[in-house]
Amino acid sequence: MAENQTVDVTIRLDRDLKENGEVFFHRLGMSFSTAVNAFVSYSLEQGKVPFDGVREHIETEEEYHSEIKSRLESAKAGNIVTHGLIEDD
C-alpha cells in the first residue's frame, strides 16, 4: 500500500477501553491509530494475533511493556521481528 493511501475506519470500543488505550499507547510514544495499524500489520505478517505466549515468557510488567513497545516500534518501522516469544506455526 502506498504511504499516502489511508482510509477512515470506525470501530466500536468501550469508552474506558479507548481512553485507557490512548493513555497507554501515548506512554509508549504513539497514537491509538498507530497502535491499531501496528497490530494489524503485525497480525498480517505473522498470520495470527501477536499476543499468544507473551505473558508466560516475561517475568515483570516492566519487561512486558518494554517488549510490546519494542514490537510496536519494529512494526511501525516496517521491520517485523519475531522475538522468540510468539510461536511459529
PDB file of N, CA and C in Angstrom:
ATOM      1  N   MET A   1       0.849  -1.167   0.000  1.00  0.00           N
ATOM      2  CA  MET A   1       0.000   0.000   0.000  1.00  0.00           C
ATOM      3  C   MET A   1       0.895   1.230   0.000  1.00  0.00           C
ATOM      4  N   ALA A   2       0.542   2.210  -0.791  1.00  0.00           N
ATOM      5  CA  ALA A   2       1.294   3.459  -0.852  1.00  0.00           C
ATOM      6  C   ALA A   2       1.151   4.217   0.460  1.00  0.00           C
ATOM      7  N   GLU A   3       2.189   4.973   0.789  1.00  0.00           N
ATOM      8  CA  GLU A   3       2.201   5.729   2.038  1.00  0.00           C
ATOM      9  C   GLU A   3       1.009   6.667   2.193  1.00  0.00           C
ATOM     10  N   ASN A   4       0.558   7.290   1.117  1.00  0.00           N
ATOM     11  CA  ASN A   4      -0.479   8.311   1.195  1.00  0.00           C
ATOM     12  C   ASN A   4      -1.897   7.763   1.132  1.00  0.00           C
ATOM     13  N   GLN A   5      -2.065   6.498   0.941  1.00  0.00           N
ATOM     14  CA  GLN A   5      -3.402   5.941   0.828  1.00  0.00           C
ATOM     15  C   GLN A   5      -3.891   5.473   2.198  1.00  0.00           C
ATOM     16  N   THR A   6      -4.681   6.306   2.836  1.00  0.00           N
ATOM     17  CA  THR A   6      -5.260   5.934   4.113  1.00  0.00           C
ATOM     18  C   THR A   6      -6.776   6.001   4.006  1.00  0.00           C
ATOM     19  N   VAL A   7      -7.434   5.279   4.876  1.00  0.00           N
ATOM     20  CA  VAL A   7      -8.893   5.286   4.935  1.00  0.00           C
ATOM     21  C   VAL A   7      -9.302   5.494   6.387  1.00  0.00           C
ATOM     22  N   ASP A   8     -10.455   6.065   6.572  1.00  0.00           N
ATOM     23  CA  ASP A   8     -11.021   6.176   7.909  1.00  0.00           C
ATOM     24  C   ASP A   8     -11.738   4.877   8.234  1.00  0.00           C
ATOM     25  N   VAL A   9     -11.565   4.408   9.463  1.00  0.00           N
ATOM     26  CA  VAL A   9     -12.196   3.180   9.923  1.00  0.00           C
ATOM     27  C   VAL A   9     -12.943   3.505  11.207  1.00  0.00           C
ATOM     28  N   THR A  10     -14.146   3.029  11.301  1.00  0.00           N
ATOM     29  CA  THR A  10     -14.931   3.230  12.513  1.00  0.00           C
ATOM     30  C   THR A  10     -15.033   1.895  13.237  1.00  0.00           C
ATOM     31  N   ILE A  11     -14.639   1.890  14.501  1.00  0.00           N
ATOM     32  CA  ILE A  11     -14.783   0.690  15.333  1.00  0.00           C
ATOM     33  C   ILE A  11     -15.493   1.090  16.614  1.00  0.00           C
ATOM     34  N   ARG A  12     -16.138   0.142  17.235  1.00  0.00           N
ATOM     35  CA  ARG A  12     -16.820   0.405  18.491  1.00  0.00           C
ATOM     36  C   ARG A  12     -16.011  -0.225  19.622  1.00  0.00           C
ATOM     37  N   LEU A  13     -15.693   0.614  20.604  1.00  0.00           N
ATOM     38  CA  LEU A  13     -14.973   0.176  21.788  1.00  0.00           C
ATOM     39  C   LEU A  13     -15.686   0.706  23.016  1.00  0.00           C
ATOM     40  N   ASP A  14     -15.554   0.007  24.091  1.00  0.00           N
ATOM     41  CA  ASP A  14     -15.990   0.520  25.367  1.00  0.00           C
ATOM     42  C   ASP A  14     -15.243   1.826  25.618  1.00  0.00           C
ATOM     43  N   ARG A  15     -15.931   2.842  26.093  1.00  0.00           N
ATOM     44  CA  ARG A  15     -15.316   4.163  26.293  1.00  0.00           C
ATOM     45  C   ARG A  15     -14.068   4.085  27.165  1.00  0.00           C
ATOM     46  N   ASP A  16     -14.147   3.369  28.289  1.00  0.00           N
ATOM     47  CA  ASP A  16     -12.988   3.250  29.182  1.00  0.00           C
ATOM     48  C   ASP A  16     -11.825   2.547  28.491  1.00  0.00           C
ATOM     49  N   LEU A  17     -12.122   1.534  27.696  1.00  0.00           N
ATOM     50  CA  LEU A  17     -11.089   0.813  26.970  1.00  0.00           C
ATOM     51  C   LEU A  17     -10.345   1.751  26.022  1.00  0.00           C
ATOM     52  N   LYS A  18     -11.094   2.559  25.290  1.00  0.00           N
ATOM     53  CA  LYS A  18     -10.468   3.502  24.358  1.00  0.00           C
ATOM     54  C   LYS A  18      -9.638   4.538  25.109  1.00  0.00           C
ATOM     55  N   GLU A  19     -10.216   5.126  26.149  1.00  0.00           N
ATOM     56  CA  GLU A  19      -9.493   6.159  26.894  1.00  0.00           C
ATOM     57  C   GLU A  19      -8.234   5.598  27.553  1.00  0.00           C
ATOM     58  N   ASN A  20      -8.340   4.428  28.161  1.00  0.00           N
ATOM     59  CA  ASN A  20      -7.173   3.803  28.776  1.00  0.00           C
ATOM     60  C   ASN A  20      -6.149   3.406  27.721  1.00  0.00           C
ATOM     61  N   GLY A  21      -6.624   2.945  26.570  1.00  0.00           N
ATOM     62  CA  GLY A  21      -5.728   2.605  25.472  1.00  0.00           C
ATOM     63  C   GLY A  21      -4.968   3.813  24.968  1.00  0.00           C
ATOM     64  N   GLU A  22      -5.661   4.937  24.844  1.00  0.00           N
ATOM     65  CA  GLU A  22      -4.994   6.164  24.393  1.00  0.00           C
ATOM     66  C   GLU A  22      -3.890   6.576  25.363  1.00  0.00           C
ATOM     67  N   VAL A  23      -4.172   6.505  26.650  1.00  0.00           N
ATOM     68  CA  VAL A  23      -3.176   6.853  27.665  1.00  0.00           C
ATOM     69  C   VAL A  23      -1.998   5.887  27.590  1.00  0.00           C
ATOM     70  N   PHE A  24      -2.294   4.599  27.511  1.00  0.00           N
ATOM     71  CA  PHE A  24      -1.244   3.572  27.467  1.00  0.00           C
ATOM     72  C   PHE A  24      -0.342   3.759  26.249  1.00  0.00           C
ATOM     73  N   PHE A  25      -0.943   3.878  25.071  1.00  0.00           N
ATOM     74  CA  PHE A  25      -0.132   3.996  23.856  1.00  0.00           C
ATOM     75  C   PHE A  25       0.612   5.326  23.814  1.00  0.00           C
ATOM     76  N   HIS A  26       0.028   6.378  24.383  1.00  0.00           N
ATOM     77  CA  HIS A  26       0.737   7.653  24.477  1.00  0.00           C
ATOM     78  C   HIS A  26       2.018   7.481  25.296  1.00  0.00           C
ATOM     79  N   ARG A  27       1.920   6.711  26.374  1.00  0.00           N
ATOM     80  CA  ARG A  27       3.107   6.440  27.202  1.00  0.00           C
ATOM     81  C   ARG A  27       4.174   5.699  26.409  1.00  0.00           C
ATOM     82  N   LEU A  28       3.765   4.935  25.432  1.00  0.00           N
ATOM     83  CA  LEU A  28       4.714   4.212  24.572  1.00  0.00           C
ATOM     84  C   LEU A  28       5.190   5.071  23.412  1.00  0.00           C
ATOM     85  N   GLY A  29       4.678   6.295  23.343  1.00  0.00           N
ATOM     86  CA  GLY A  29       5.123   7.222  22.320  1.00  0.00           C
ATOM     87  C   GLY A  29       4.400   7.112  20.993  1.00  0.00           C
ATOM     88  N   MET A  30       3.157   6.634  21.030  1.00  0.00           N
ATOM     89  CA  MET A  30       2.414   6.508  19.774  1.00  0.00           C
ATOM     90  C   MET A  30       0.948   6.832  19.982  1.00  0.00           C
ATOM     91  N   SER A  31       0.283   7.112  18.883  1.00  0.00           N
ATOM     92  CA  SER A  31      -1.153   7.369  18.931  1.00  0.00           C
ATOM     93  C   SER A  31      -1.909   6.048  18.951  1.00  0.00           C
ATOM     94  N   PHE A  32      -3.187   6.140  19.278  1.00  0.00           N
ATOM     95  CA  PHE A  32      -4.056   4.962  19.249  1.00  0.00           C
ATOM     96  C   PHE A  32      -4.113   4.406  17.823  1.00  0.00           C
ATOM     97  N   SER A  33      -4.197   5.305  16.853  1.00  0.00           N
ATOM     98  CA  SER A  33      -4.242   4.902  15.445  1.00  0.00           C
ATOM     99  C   SER A  33      -2.976   4.151  15.033  1.00  0.00           C
ATOM    100  N   THR A  34      -1.816   4.644  15.459  1.00  0.00           N
ATOM    101  CA  THR A  34      -0.556   3.970  15.154  1.00  0.00           C
ATOM    102  C   THR A  34      -0.525   2.581  15.775  1.00  0.00           C
ATOM    103  N   ALA A  35      -1.029   2.462  16.998  1.00  0.00           N
ATOM    104  CA  ALA A  35      -1.063   1.158  17.668  1.00  0.00           C
ATOM    105  C   ALA A  35      -1.956   0.174  16.916  1.00  0.00           C
ATOM    106  N   VAL A  36      -3.113   0.631  16.457  1.00  0.00           N
ATOM    107  CA  VAL A  36      -4.016  -0.239  15.693  1.00  0.00           C
ATOM    108  C   VAL A  36      -3.353  -0.649  14.381  1.00  0.00           C
ATOM    109  N   ASN A  37      -2.714   0.305  13.696  1.00  0.00           N
ATOM    110  CA  ASN A  37      -2.007  -0.014  12.458  1.00  0.00           C
ATOM    111  C   ASN A  37      -0.899  -1.035  12.695  1.00  0.00           C
ATOM    112  N   ALA A  38      -0.141  -0.861  13.781  1.00  0.00           N
ATOM    113  CA  ALA A  38       0.925  -1.808  14.109  1.00  0.00           C
ATOM    114  C   ALA A  38       0.353  -3.197  14.389  1.00  0.00           C
ATOM    115  N   PHE A  39      -0.754  -3.243  15.134  1.00  0.00           N
ATOM    116  CA  PHE A  39      -1.401  -4.531  15.440  1.00  0.00           C
ATOM    117  C   PHE A  39      -1.825  -5.251  14.165  1.00  0.00           C
ATOM    118  N   VAL A  40      -2.494  -4.532  13.276  1.00  0.00           N
ATOM    119  CA  VAL A  40      -2.975  -5.157  12.034  1.00  0.00           C
ATOM    120  C   VAL A  40      -1.797  -5.582  11.163  1.00  0.00           C
ATOM    121  N   SER A  41      -0.798  -4.711  11.022  1.00  0.00           N
ATOM    122  CA  SER A  41       0.375  -5.052  10.209  1.00  0.00           C
ATOM    123  C   SER A  41       1.080  -6.283  10.742  1.00  0.00           C
ATOM    124  N   TYR A  42       1.302  -6.322  12.040  1.00  0.00           N
ATOM    125  CA  TYR A  42       1.983  -7.453  12.663  1.00  0.00           C
ATOM    126  C   TYR A  42       1.159  -8.731  12.522  1.00  0.00           C
ATOM    127  N   SER A  43      -0.150  -8.622  12.734  1.00  0.00           N
ATOM    128  CA  SER A  43      -1.024  -9.794  12.609  1.00  0.00           C
ATOM    129  C   SER A  43      -0.977 -10.365  11.199  1.00  0.00           C
ATOM    130  N   LEU A  44      -1.013  -9.489  10.203  1.00  0.00           N
ATOM    131  CA  LEU A  44      -0.952  -9.954   8.817  1.00  0.00           C
ATOM    132  C   LEU A  44       0.388 -10.605   8.508  1.00  0.00           C
ATOM    133  N   GLU A  45       1.460 -10.008   8.990  1.00  0.00           N
ATOM    134  CA  GLU A  45       2.800 -10.556   8.758  1.00  0.00           C
ATOM    135  C   GLU A  45       2.950 -11.938   9.390  1.00  0.00           C
ATOM    136  N   GLN A  46       2.442 -12.095  10.613  1.00  0.00           N
ATOM    137  CA  GLN A  46       2.577 -13.345  11.348  1.00  0.00           C
ATOM    138  C   GLN A  46       1.491 -14.369  11.026  1.00  0.00           C
ATOM    139  N   GLY A  47       0.378 -13.880  10.487  1.00  0.00           N
ATOM    140  CA  GLY A  47      -0.736 -14.778  10.208  1.00  0.00           C
ATOM    141  C   GLY A  47      -1.526 -15.141  11.448  1.00  0.00           C
ATOM    142  N   LYS A  48      -1.366 -14.340  12.501  1.00  0.00           N
ATOM    143  CA  LYS A  48      -2.104 -14.560  13.753  1.00  0.00           C
ATOM    144  C   LYS A  48      -1.949 -13.328  14.627  1.00  0.00           C
ATOM    145  N   VAL A  49      -2.744 -13.255  15.681  1.00  0.00           N
ATOM    146  CA  VAL A  49      -2.613 -12.122  16.593  1.00  0.00           C
ATOM    147  C   VAL A  49      -1.321 -12.280  17.383  1.00  0.00           C
ATOM    148  N   PRO A  50      -0.645 -11.170  17.685  1.00  0.00           N
ATOM    149  CA  PRO A  50       0.700 -11.252  18.252  1.00  0.00           C
ATOM    150  C   PRO A  50       0.796 -11.433  19.765  1.00  0.00           C
ATOM    151  N   PHE A  51      -0.281 -11.765  20.447  1.00  0.00           N
ATOM    152  CA  PHE A  51      -0.229 -11.771  21.897  1.00  0.00           C
ATOM    153  C   PHE A  51      -0.129 -13.144  22.544  1.00  0.00           C
ATOM    154  N   ASP A  52      -0.352 -14.197  21.797  1.00  0.00           N
ATOM    155  CA  ASP A  52      -0.304 -15.517  22.410  1.00  0.00           C
ATOM    156  C   ASP A  52       1.126 -15.863  22.824  1.00  0.00           C
ATOM    157  N   GLY A  53       1.274 -16.315  24.048  1.00  0.00           N
ATOM    158  CA  GLY A  53       2.572 -16.745  24.534  1.00  0.00           C
ATOM    159  C   GLY A  53       3.455 -15.654  25.111  1.00  0.00           C
ATOM    160  N   VAL A  54       3.056 -14.396  25.034  1.00  0.00           N
ATOM    161  CA  VAL A  54       3.916 -13.327  25.514  1.00  0.00           C
ATOM    162  C   VAL A  54       4.051 -13.363  27.026  1.00  0.00           C
ATOM    163  N   ARG A  55       2.957 -13.394  27.731  1.00  0.00           N
ATOM    164  CA  ARG A  55       2.974 -13.306  29.196  1.00  0.00           C
ATOM    165  C   ARG A  55       3.739 -14.442  29.866  1.00  0.00           C
ATOM    166  N   GLU A  56       3.650 -15.652  29.330  1.00  0.00           N
ATOM    167  CA  GLU A  56       4.263 -16.783  30.012  1.00  0.00           C
ATOM    168  C   GLU A  56       5.789 -16.748  29.982  1.00  0.00           C
ATOM    169  N   HIS A  57       6.388 -15.934  29.113  1.00  0.00           N
ATOM    170  CA  HIS A  57       7.839 -15.860  29.000  1.00  0.00           C
ATOM    171  C   HIS A  57       8.441 -14.615  29.628  1.00  0.00           C
ATOM    172  N   ILE A  58       7.601 -13.729  30.168  1.00  0.00           N
ATOM    173  CA  ILE A  58       8.081 -12.469  30.716  1.00  0.00           C
ATOM    174  C   ILE A  58       7.725 -12.399  32.187  1.00  0.00           C
ATOM    175  N   GLU A  59       8.702 -12.021  32.985  1.00  0.00           N
ATOM    176  CA  GLU A  59       8.549 -12.068  34.430  1.00  0.00           C
ATOM    177  C   GLU A  59       7.855 -10.851  35.046  1.00  0.00           C
ATOM    178  N   THR A  60       8.129  -9.649  34.544  1.00  0.00           N
ATOM    179  CA  THR A  60       7.607  -8.447  35.185  1.00  0.00           C
ATOM    180  C   THR A  60       6.778  -7.619  34.207  1.00  0.00           C
ATOM    181  N   GLU A  61       5.954  -6.739  34.756  1.00  0.00           N
ATOM    182  CA  GLU A  61       5.172  -5.820  33.930  1.00  0.00           C
ATOM    183  C   GLU A  61       6.098  -4.929  33.104  1.00  0.00           C
ATOM    184  N   GLU A  62       7.206  -4.492  33.710  1.00  0.00           N
ATOM    185  CA  GLU A  62       8.149  -3.621  33.000  1.00  0.00           C
ATOM    186  C   GLU A  62       8.715  -4.329  31.772  1.00  0.00           C
ATOM    187  N   GLU A  63       9.091  -5.593  31.921  1.00  0.00           N
ATOM    188  CA  GLU A  63       9.600  -6.360  30.778  1.00  0.00           C
ATOM    189  C   GLU A  63       8.518  -6.526  29.720  1.00  0.00           C
ATOM    190  N   TYR A  64       7.289  -6.775  30.160  1.00  0.00           N
ATOM    191  CA  TYR A  64       6.178  -6.939  29.227  1.00  0.00           C
ATOM    192  C   TYR A  64       5.967  -5.660  28.417  1.00  0.00           C
ATOM    193  N   HIS A  65       5.883  -4.511  29.092  1.00  0.00           N
ATOM    194  CA  HIS A  65       5.660  -3.250  28.394  1.00  0.00           C
ATOM    195  C   HIS A  65       6.834  -2.906  27.478  1.00  0.00           C
ATOM    196  N   SER A  66       8.037  -3.210  27.923  1.00  0.00           N
ATOM    197  CA  SER A  66       9.208  -2.969  27.092  1.00  0.00           C
ATOM    198  C   SER A  66       9.166  -3.834  25.830  1.00  0.00           C
ATOM    199  N   GLU A  67       8.775  -5.088  25.974  1.00  0.00           N
ATOM    200  CA  GLU A  67       8.690  -5.992  24.829  1.00  0.00           C
ATOM    201  C   GLU A  67       7.619  -5.540  23.846  1.00  0.00           C
ATOM    202  N   ILE A  68       6.456  -5.170  24.341  1.00  0.00           N
ATOM    203  CA  ILE A  68       5.380  -4.702  23.477  1.00  0.00           C
ATOM    204  C   ILE A  68       5.805  -3.430  22.759  1.00  0.00           C
ATOM    205  N   LYS A  69       6.441  -2.503  23.479  1.00  0.00           N
ATOM    206  CA  LYS A  69       6.912  -1.257  22.865  1.00  0.00           C
ATOM    207  C   LYS A  69       7.908  -1.562  21.759  1.00  0.00           C
ATOM    208  N   SER A  70       8.817  -2.471  22.016  1.00  0.00           N
ATOM    209  CA  SER A  70       9.811  -2.854  21.014  1.00  0.00           C
ATOM    210  C   SER A  70       9.157  -3.452  19.777  1.00  0.00           C
ATOM    211  N   ARG A  71       8.172  -4.313  19.981  1.00  0.00           N
ATOM    212  CA  ARG A  71       7.464  -4.918  18.849  1.00  0.00           C
ATOM    213  C   ARG A  71       6.709  -3.873  18.040  1.00  0.00           C
ATOM    214  N   LEU A  72       6.049  -2.953  18.732  1.00  0.00           N
ATOM    215  CA  LEU A  72       5.298  -1.916  18.037  1.00  0.00           C
ATOM    216  C   LEU A  72       6.216  -0.990  17.250  1.00  0.00           C
ATOM    217  N   GLU A  73       7.358  -0.649  17.830  1.00  0.00           N
ATOM    218  CA  GLU A  73       8.318   0.194  17.119  1.00  0.00           C
ATOM    219  C   GLU A  73       8.852  -0.520  15.878  1.00  0.00           C
ATOM    220  N   SER A  74       9.122  -1.809  16.006  1.00  0.00           N
ATOM    221  CA  SER A  74       9.591  -2.580  14.856  1.00  0.00           C
ATOM    222  C   SER A  74       8.535  -2.625  13.760  1.00  0.00           C
ATOM    223  N   ALA A  75       7.296  -2.861  14.162  1.00  0.00           N
ATOM    224  CA  ALA A  75       6.201  -2.922  13.186  1.00  0.00           C
ATOM    225  C   ALA A  75       5.985  -1.563  12.536  1.00  0.00           C
ATOM    226  N   LYS A  76       6.049  -0.504  13.326  1.00  0.00           N
ATOM    227  CA  LYS A  76       5.861   0.849  12.813  1.00  0.00           C
ATOM    228  C   LYS A  76       6.944   1.184  11.785  1.00  0.00           C
ATOM    229  N   ALA A  77       8.154   0.691  12.008  1.00  0.00           N
ATOM    230  CA  ALA A  77       9.266   0.932  11.092  1.00  0.00           C
ATOM    231  C   ALA A  77       9.233  -0.017   9.895  1.00  0.00           C
ATOM    232  N   GLY A  78       8.292  -0.959   9.905  1.00  0.00           N
ATOM    233  CA  GLY A  78       8.205  -1.919   8.813  1.00  0.00           C
ATOM    234  C   GLY A  78       9.149  -3.093   8.969  1.00  0.00           C
ATOM    235  N   ASN A  79       9.813  -3.172  10.105  1.00  0.00           N
ATOM    236  CA  ASN A  79      10.750  -4.265  10.373  1.00  0.00           C
ATOM    237  C   ASN A  79      10.117  -5.247  11.341  1.00  0.00           C
ATOM    238  N   ILE A  80       9.359  -6.173  10.819  1.00  0.00           N
ATOM    239  CA  ILE A  80       8.691  -7.146  11.669  1.00  0.00           C
ATOM    240  C   ILE A  80       9.728  -8.167  12.132  1.00  0.00           C
ATOM    241  N   VAL A  81       9.939  -8.220  13.451  1.00  0.00           N
ATOM    242  CA  VAL A  81      10.938  -9.097  14.016  1.00  0.00           C
ATOM    243  C   VAL A  81      10.270 -10.007  15.023  1.00  0.00           C
ATOM    244  N   THR A  82      10.467 -11.312  14.888  1.00  0.00           N
ATOM    245  CA  THR A  82       9.956 -12.251  15.871  1.00  0.00           C
ATOM    246  C   THR A  82      10.987 -12.330  16.988  1.00  0.00           C
ATOM    247  N   HIS A  83      10.545 -12.121  18.211  1.00  0.00           N
ATOM    248  CA  HIS A  83      11.432 -12.098  19.356  1.00  0.00           C
ATOM    249  C   HIS A  83      11.508 -13.428  20.077  1.00  0.00           C
ATOM    250  N   GLY A  84      11.000 -14.482  19.473  1.00  0.00           N
ATOM    251  CA  GLY A  84      11.038 -15.780  20.113  1.00  0.00           C
ATOM    252  C   GLY A  84       9.952 -15.967  21.145  1.00  0.00           C
ATOM    253  N   LEU A  85       9.080 -14.987  21.295  1.00  0.00           N
ATOM    254  CA  LEU A  85       8.026 -15.098  22.292  1.00  0.00           C
ATOM    255  C   LEU A  85       6.716 -15.548  21.684  1.00  0.00           C
ATOM    256  N   ILE A  86       6.621 -15.500  20.375  1.00  0.00           N
ATOM    257  CA  ILE A  86       5.425 -15.952  19.684  1.00  0.00           C
ATOM    258  C   ILE A  86       5.795 -17.211  18.928  1.00  0.00           C
ATOM    259  N   GLU A  87       5.002 -18.230  19.138  1.00  0.00           N
ATOM    260  CA  GLU A  87       5.280 -19.499  18.476  1.00  0.00           C
ATOM    261  C   GLU A  87       5.065 -19.384  16.981  1.00  0.00           C
ATOM    262  N   ASP A  88       5.962 -19.958  16.220  1.00  0.00           N
ATOM    263  CA  ASP A  88       5.780 -20.008  14.768  1.00  0.00           C
ATOM    264  C   ASP A  88       4.958 -21.239  14.433  1.00  0.00           C
ATOM    265  N   ASP A  89       3.984 -21.048  13.548  1.00  0.00           N
ATOM    266  CA  ASP A  89       3.164 -22.182  13.132  1.00  0.00           C
ATOM    267  C   ASP A  89       3.788 -22.882  11.945  1.00  0.00           C
TER     268      ASP A  89
END
